[in-house]
């Protein structure tokens, strides 16, 4: 049987197909709809049963009880303090709710969901062994024989009940056309066979990551740490419904959004590419001698060059040159604000007059 390593020029690692010789050219083909990307770093969980949507609604940040078949959305599973534990892309076909998740998160999420079933009519199955996720433009992946409705990424549009913090217009992801299809082993083998014969162009994960980072699109398997609040990555846009019923972590989500500010905020970095040095995830970001945050995602974009996302302190200065401390030495960077320092505090709270002033007026 044909495999990824049989594709001419393929470079494969434990994540999957990294590239087929030219990540920059693959980005252009992927964005134009002339290539498909086997997403070896994505997995599939199916949730069946009559109670599946209301059950997922009660557990997650997204309103899913009345999710219509074929409509794409995403959810977050938060801990009691509102920190992100899991994330999933969501689409329902009328009988099954399909969750597309990062490979590093799939096992833990499937296990947690199984433990939370109680007596409800739901069935959770990890389909990582028999189903594959393929990405590309919507038109490109809809041409595949998928086993479920194609998930169309809602980012960066503001979903019902969501909220946008980034104030840049147009948003860098506004023109991004991205979708993911779930296919079985036979269909995926056909894709690989076409690629070996030169009939189908493939793109690797390096190209996928570059288009994602340029769109400021967060991923739980890359951009999240144990402290991440959804507000910090502007994730209220697509993954959080602010007026739905109760769920774990909701109190923190509401309190930070209405009364406070997220303690950190994501920024987009344009990196100095003159020395062909790229930072790694976790590398420190400095303003002068002060460490203000750390890198979460890095890529080389076909138009923008080396770019990154970083989480920095809310109080980090804006409009100043930054430095990233890499293994090969300091790297100059310029930041663009994604989540502003004043994000949150959206509630209009009436202020009571001070008692002394009121008496003086009388």
Protein backbone atom coordinates (compact mmCIF):
# COMPACT_ATOMS: atom_id res chain seq x y z
CA UNK A 1 0.00 0.00 0.00
CA UNK A 2 1.20 3.51 -0.83
CA UNK A 3 2.29 5.65 2.14
CA UNK A 4 3.47 9.20 2.66
CA UNK A 5 7.12 8.26 2.27
CA UNK A 6 6.38 7.11 -1.29
CA UNK A 7 5.39 10.64 -2.33
CA UNK A 8 8.26 12.26 -4.30
CA UNK A 9 10.18 14.74 -2.16
CA UNK A 10 8.26 13.90 1.02
CA UNK A 11 9.87 14.73 4.36
CA UNK A 12 8.02 12.95 7.16
CA UNK A 13 8.44 13.03 10.93
CA UNK A 14 6.37 11.96 13.93
CA UNK A 15 3.82 14.73 13.22
CA UNK A 16 3.29 13.61 9.64
CA UNK A 17 4.18 15.13 6.27
CA UNK A 18 6.29 18.24 6.91
CA UNK A 19 6.81 19.22 3.28
CA UNK A 20 7.37 17.85 -0.22
CA UNK A 21 10.42 19.91 -1.07
CA UNK A 22 9.27 23.53 -1.02
CA UNK A 23 7.18 24.71 1.96
CA UNK A 24 6.90 28.24 0.53
CA UNK A 25 5.55 27.09 -2.83
CA UNK A 26 3.27 24.65 -1.00
CA UNK A 27 1.70 27.56 0.89
CA UNK A 28 0.75 29.23 -2.37
CA UNK A 29 -0.73 26.03 -3.79
CA UNK A 30 -2.59 25.33 -0.56
CA UNK A 31 -4.05 28.85 -0.38
CA UNK A 32 -5.09 28.74 -4.05
CA UNK A 33 -6.88 25.40 -3.67
CA UNK A 34 -4.51 23.45 -5.89
CA UNK A 35 -3.07 21.26 -3.11
CA UNK A 36 -4.27 19.10 -0.23
CA UNK A 37 -2.59 18.74 3.16
CA UNK A 38 -2.63 15.40 5.01
CA UNK A 39 -3.03 16.53 8.63
CA UNK A 40 -1.06 13.93 10.54
CA UNK A 41 -1.21 16.12 13.63
CA UNK A 42 -5.03 16.00 13.75
CA UNK A 43 -7.29 13.24 15.08
CA UNK A 44 -11.02 12.42 15.08
CA UNK A 45 -13.40 11.72 17.97
CA UNK A 46 -17.03 10.82 17.23
CA UNK A 47 -19.87 11.40 19.69
CA UNK A 48 -23.13 9.60 19.01
CA UNK A 49 -26.42 9.28 20.87
CA UNK A 50 -29.55 11.37 21.35
CA UNK A 51 -28.08 13.50 24.13
CA UNK A 52 -24.76 14.26 22.40
CA UNK A 53 -25.28 17.96 21.58
CA UNK A 54 -26.90 19.03 24.85
CA UNK A 55 -24.28 16.99 26.72
CA UNK A 56 -21.38 18.65 24.91
CA UNK A 57 -23.11 22.00 25.45
CA UNK A 58 -23.14 21.43 29.21
CA UNK A 59 -19.43 20.55 29.29
CA UNK A 60 -17.96 23.13 26.97
CA UNK A 61 -17.73 26.84 26.21
CA UNK A 62 -19.86 26.59 23.07
CA UNK A 63 -23.65 26.56 22.57
CA UNK A 64 -24.29 23.22 20.84
CA UNK A 65 -27.75 22.03 21.89
CA UNK A 66 -29.36 23.31 18.71
CA UNK A 67 -26.35 22.97 16.39
CA UNK A 68 -27.74 22.33 12.91
CA UNK A 69 -26.31 19.55 10.73
CA UNK A 70 -23.39 20.74 8.63
CA UNK A 71 -22.75 23.93 10.62
CA UNK A 72 -19.13 24.33 11.71
CA UNK A 73 -18.04 25.68 15.08
CA UNK A 74 -15.49 24.94 17.80
CA UNK A 75 -15.47 24.35 21.54
CA UNK A 76 -13.13 24.63 24.50
CA UNK A 77 -13.07 22.50 27.62
CA UNK A 78 -11.96 24.64 30.54
CA UNK A 79 -10.83 23.80 34.05
CA UNK A 80 -12.68 25.29 37.05
CA UNK A 81 -10.43 28.38 36.89
CA UNK A 82 -11.34 29.02 33.24
CA UNK A 83 -8.02 27.82 31.79
CA UNK A 84 -8.02 25.96 28.49
CA UNK A 85 -7.62 22.20 28.83
CA UNK A 86 -8.91 20.93 25.47
CA UNK A 87 -10.14 22.31 22.15
CA UNK A 88 -12.06 20.75 19.28
CA UNK A 89 -13.41 21.71 15.87
CA UNK A 90 -17.07 20.64 15.73
CA UNK A 91 -19.50 19.60 13.01
CA UNK A 92 -22.65 17.45 13.29
CA UNK A 93 -24.27 15.32 10.58
CA UNK A 94 -27.65 14.84 12.27
CA UNK A 95 -26.69 11.55 13.91
CA UNK A 96 -23.10 12.04 15.07
CA UNK A 97 -21.12 15.00 16.35
CA UNK A 98 -17.60 14.95 14.94
CA UNK A 99 -14.71 16.47 16.88
CA UNK A 100 -11.46 17.22 15.06
CA UNK A 101 -8.68 17.66 17.60
CA UNK A 102 -4.92 18.08 17.84
CA UNK A 103 -3.15 14.74 18.01
CA UNK A 104 -1.42 15.65 21.28
CA UNK A 105 -4.82 16.29 22.87
CA UNK A 106 -6.95 13.50 21.36
CA UNK A 107 -6.34 10.71 23.86
CA UNK A 108 -6.79 12.90 26.92
CA UNK A 109 -9.97 14.50 25.55
CA UNK A 110 -11.53 11.16 24.55
CA UNK A 111 -10.76 9.74 28.00
CA UNK A 112 -12.21 12.75 29.79
CA UNK A 113 -15.37 12.76 27.70
CA UNK A 114 -15.88 9.03 28.33
CA UNK A 115 -15.65 9.60 32.08
CA UNK A 116 -18.24 12.36 31.90
CA UNK A 117 -20.99 10.31 30.22
CA UNK A 118 -22.77 9.24 33.42
CA UNK A 119 -26.22 7.89 32.43
CA UNK A 120 -26.73 10.04 29.37
CA UNK A 121 -27.38 8.61 25.91
CA UNK A 122 -23.97 9.33 24.40
CA UNK A 123 -21.22 7.21 22.90
CA UNK A 124 -17.65 8.50 22.62
CA UNK A 125 -15.24 6.86 20.18
CA UNK A 126 -11.63 7.73 19.41
CA UNK A 127 -11.43 7.21 15.62
CA UNK A 128 -7.71 7.92 15.31
CA UNK A 129 -6.96 4.41 14.02
CA UNK A 130 -9.39 4.35 11.10
CA UNK A 131 -10.01 7.95 10.00
CA UNK A 132 -7.70 10.63 8.61
CA UNK A 133 -8.04 14.42 8.44
CA UNK A 134 -7.16 16.24 5.21
CA UNK A 135 -7.04 20.04 4.98
CA UNK A 136 -7.18 22.68 2.27
CA UNK A 137 -9.56 25.22 0.83
CA UNK A 138 -13.22 24.42 1.17
CA UNK A 139 -13.63 23.60 -2.50
CA UNK A 140 -10.56 21.36 -2.49
CA UNK A 141 -11.58 19.20 0.47
CA UNK A 142 -15.25 19.06 -0.52
CA UNK A 143 -14.11 17.20 -3.63
CA UNK A 144 -13.08 14.30 -1.39
CA UNK A 145 -15.39 11.48 -0.38
CA UNK A 146 -15.65 12.46 3.27
CA UNK A 147 -17.34 10.36 5.97
CA UNK A 148 -18.80 13.45 7.65
CA UNK A 149 -19.69 17.02 6.72
CA UNK A 150 -16.61 19.09 5.98
CA UNK A 151 -15.59 21.34 8.87
CA UNK A 152 -15.13 24.91 7.62
CA UNK A 153 -13.00 27.05 9.93
CA UNK A 154 -15.11 29.96 11.26
CA UNK A 155 -12.00 32.00 12.15
CA UNK A 156 -11.78 34.99 12.33
CA UNK A 157 -15.50 35.81 12.01
CA UNK A 158 -17.24 36.46 15.32
CA UNK A 159 -19.58 33.54 15.97
CA UNK A 160 -22.99 33.99 17.66
CA UNK A 161 -22.34 34.76 21.33
CA UNK A 162 -18.67 35.49 20.66
CA UNK A 163 -16.55 38.62 21.08
CA UNK A 164 -13.58 40.04 19.18
CA UNK A 165 -10.68 41.75 20.92
CA UNK A 166 -8.39 42.38 17.94
CA UNK A 167 -9.13 45.77 16.40
CA UNK A 168 -7.15 45.44 13.18
CA UNK A 169 -9.28 45.85 10.06
CA UNK A 170 -9.23 43.91 7.93
CA UNK A 171 -8.19 41.03 10.15
CA UNK A 172 -5.16 39.17 8.71
CA UNK A 173 -7.24 35.99 8.58
CA UNK A 174 -10.21 37.57 6.81
CA UNK A 175 -9.33 36.08 3.41
CA UNK A 176 -8.20 32.71 4.77
CA UNK A 177 -10.10 29.82 3.21
CA UNK A 178 -9.56 26.73 5.35
CA UNK A 179 -11.52 23.53 5.81
CA UNK A 180 -10.88 19.98 7.02
CA UNK A 181 -12.40 16.73 5.80
CA UNK A 182 -12.57 13.39 7.58
CA UNK A 183 -11.81 10.52 5.20
CA UNK A 184 -11.44 6.77 5.61
CA UNK A 185 -8.33 4.72 4.82
CA UNK A 186 -9.49 3.87 1.29
CA UNK A 187 -10.06 7.50 0.30
CA UNK A 188 -6.76 8.59 1.84
CA UNK A 189 -4.94 5.84 -0.03
CA UNK A 190 -6.45 7.21 -3.22
CA UNK A 191 -5.12 10.68 -2.40
CA UNK A 192 -1.63 9.30 -1.81
CA UNK A 193 -1.77 7.22 -4.96
CA UNK A 194 -2.71 10.32 -6.95
CA UNK A 195 0.19 12.20 -5.34
CA UNK A 196 2.67 9.46 -6.27
CA UNK A 197 1.44 9.53 -9.88
CA UNK A 198 1.71 13.33 -9.96
CA UNK A 199 -2.04 13.87 -10.34
CA UNK A 200 -2.61 15.44 -6.89
CA UNK A 201 -0.39 18.10 -5.30
CA UNK A 202 0.25 17.75 -1.58
CA UNK A 203 1.34 20.36 0.95
CA UNK A 204 2.97 19.67 4.29
CA UNK A 205 2.39 20.80 7.84
CA UNK A 206 5.03 23.54 7.54
CA UNK A 207 2.85 25.24 4.92
CA UNK A 208 -0.30 24.70 6.99
CA UNK A 209 1.33 26.25 10.07
CA UNK A 210 2.58 29.27 8.13
CA UNK A 211 -0.91 30.12 6.85
CA UNK A 212 -2.35 29.61 10.33
CA UNK A 213 0.20 31.82 12.11
CA UNK A 214 -0.23 34.57 9.53
CA UNK A 215 -3.98 34.51 10.30
CA UNK A 216 -3.32 34.74 14.08
CA UNK A 217 -5.24 31.47 14.47
CA UNK A 218 -4.58 29.69 17.82
CA UNK A 219 -4.14 25.94 18.29
CA UNK A 220 -4.35 24.25 21.65
CA UNK A 221 -1.55 21.79 20.91
CA UNK A 222 0.89 24.61 20.15
CA UNK A 223 -0.21 27.91 21.65
CA UNK A 224 -1.71 26.79 24.96
CA UNK A 225 0.09 26.25 28.23
CA UNK A 226 -1.31 25.26 31.61
CA UNK A 227 -2.33 28.89 32.35
CA UNK A 228 -4.01 29.91 29.10
CA UNK A 229 -7.32 31.77 29.27
CA UNK A 230 -9.29 31.92 26.00
CA UNK A 231 -9.30 35.73 26.18
CA UNK A 232 -5.52 35.84 25.85
CA UNK A 233 -5.56 34.35 22.33
CA UNK A 234 -8.67 36.27 21.14
CA UNK A 235 -10.43 32.89 21.22
CA UNK A 236 -13.75 34.34 22.36
CA UNK A 237 -14.32 35.03 18.65
CA UNK A 238 -15.14 31.49 17.62
CA UNK A 239 -14.95 29.15 20.60
CA UNK A 240 -16.89 30.81 23.43
CA UNK A 241 -20.59 31.69 23.68
CA UNK A 242 -20.82 34.38 26.33
CA UNK A 243 -24.54 34.07 27.04
CA UNK A 244 -25.08 30.30 27.06
CA UNK A 245 -25.87 28.16 30.10
CA UNK A 246 -23.48 27.18 32.85
CA UNK A 247 -20.32 25.15 32.21
CA UNK A 248 -17.08 24.57 34.04
CA UNK A 249 -14.92 27.70 34.00
CA UNK A 250 -17.75 30.02 32.94
CA UNK A 251 -17.45 32.24 36.00
CA UNK A 252 -13.83 33.11 35.19
CA UNK A 253 -14.62 33.67 31.52
CA UNK A 254 -17.40 36.10 32.42
CA UNK A 255 -15.47 37.86 35.19
CA UNK A 256 -12.37 38.50 33.05
CA UNK A 257 -14.43 39.65 30.07
CA UNK A 258 -16.89 41.84 31.99
CA UNK A 259 -14.92 43.15 34.95
CA UNK A 260 -11.21 42.50 34.47
CA UNK A 261 -8.48 42.09 31.87
CA UNK A 262 -6.69 38.93 30.69
CA UNK A 263 -3.30 38.80 32.45
CA UNK A 264 -1.51 38.03 29.18
CA UNK A 265 -2.19 38.86 25.55
CA UNK A 266 -1.08 37.47 22.21
CA UNK A 267 1.02 39.55 19.83
CA UNK A 268 2.11 38.82 16.26
CA UNK A 269 5.84 39.14 15.64
CA UNK A 270 7.66 40.02 12.46
CA UNK A 271 11.12 38.48 12.89
CA UNK A 272 14.47 39.60 11.50
CA UNK A 273 15.22 37.12 8.71
CA UNK A 274 18.64 38.38 7.72
CA UNK A 275 20.53 35.55 9.49
CA UNK A 276 18.07 32.71 8.75
CA UNK A 277 17.55 32.17 12.48
CA UNK A 278 14.18 31.04 13.81
CA UNK A 279 13.14 30.90 17.47
CA UNK A 280 11.63 27.84 19.11
CA UNK A 281 8.45 27.53 21.08
CA UNK A 282 9.09 28.81 24.60
CA UNK A 283 11.95 31.17 23.69
CA UNK A 284 11.85 34.31 25.81
CA UNK A 285 10.70 37.64 24.38
CA UNK A 286 12.32 40.76 25.84
CA UNK A 287 11.69 44.50 25.79
CA UNK A 288 15.11 45.83 26.61
CA UNK A 289 16.41 43.70 29.48
CA UNK A 290 12.95 42.75 30.74
CA UNK A 291 11.41 39.41 29.77
CA UNK A 292 7.80 40.11 28.83
CA UNK A 293 6.66 36.76 27.42
CA UNK A 294 7.45 33.73 25.27
CA UNK A 295 7.06 32.41 21.74
CA UNK A 296 4.17 30.00 21.08
CA UNK A 297 4.19 29.47 17.27
CA UNK A 298 6.80 30.11 14.57
CA UNK A 299 6.67 29.91 10.76
CA UNK A 300 8.15 31.24 7.54
CA UNK A 301 5.39 32.78 5.43
CA UNK A 302 5.56 33.02 1.64
CA UNK A 303 4.89 36.79 1.73
CA UNK A 304 5.71 37.98 5.25
CA UNK A 305 8.87 35.96 5.84
CA UNK A 306 9.65 34.71 9.37
CA UNK A 307 6.73 35.33 11.74
CA UNK A 308 5.61 34.16 15.16
CA UNK A 309 2.93 34.41 17.80
CA UNK A 310 3.90 35.17 21.39
CA UNK A 311 2.10 35.51 24.69
CA UNK A 312 3.26 38.57 26.61
CA UNK A 313 2.31 40.29 29.84
CA UNK A 314 -0.76 42.52 29.60
CA UNK A 315 1.37 45.49 30.67
CA UNK A 316 4.08 44.83 28.08
CA UNK A 317 4.96 48.08 26.26
CA UNK A 318 3.63 48.58 22.76
CA UNK A 319 5.44 50.11 19.82
CA UNK A 320 8.94 49.30 21.07
CA UNK A 321 11.56 47.01 19.48
CA UNK A 322 11.61 43.50 20.93
CA UNK A 323 14.25 40.79 21.12
CA UNK A 324 13.74 37.02 21.10
CA UNK A 325 16.40 34.97 22.88
CA UNK A 326 17.06 31.97 20.62
CA UNK A 327 19.54 29.14 20.93
CA UNK A 328 21.61 30.91 18.25
CA UNK A 329 21.54 34.29 19.94
CA UNK A 330 19.24 37.34 20.15
CA UNK A 331 16.81 37.96 17.30
CA UNK A 332 15.19 41.33 16.61
CA UNK A 333 11.40 41.42 16.34
CA UNK A 334 8.61 43.93 15.79
CA UNK A 335 5.23 43.30 17.43
CA UNK A 336 1.72 43.93 16.19
CA UNK A 337 -1.01 44.00 18.82
CA UNK A 338 -3.60 41.24 18.54
CA UNK A 339 -5.26 41.40 21.97
CA UNK A 340 -4.94 44.98 23.29
CA UNK A 341 -3.92 45.74 26.86
CA UNK A 342 -7.39 47.09 27.68
CA UNK A 343 -9.24 43.99 26.46
CA UNK A 344 -12.04 43.00 28.82
CA UNK A 345 -13.88 45.16 31.35
CA UNK A 346 -16.82 45.37 28.96
CA UNK A 347 -19.56 45.65 31.58
CA UNK A 348 -21.03 49.09 32.20
CA UNK A 349 -21.27 49.27 35.97
CA UNK A 350 -23.12 52.27 37.41
CA UNK A 351 -21.01 54.17 39.94
CA UNK A 352 -22.69 55.23 43.18
CA UNK A 353 -21.97 58.81 44.23
CA UNK A 354 -19.79 59.19 47.28
CA UNK A 355 -21.78 59.87 50.42
CA UNK A 356 -19.82 63.01 51.30
CA UNK A 357 -20.41 64.60 47.90
CA UNK A 358 -24.09 63.82 48.00
CA UNK A 359 -24.49 65.45 51.42
CA UNK A 360 -22.55 68.51 50.27
CA UNK A 361 -24.90 68.85 47.34
CA UNK A 362 -27.89 68.72 49.66
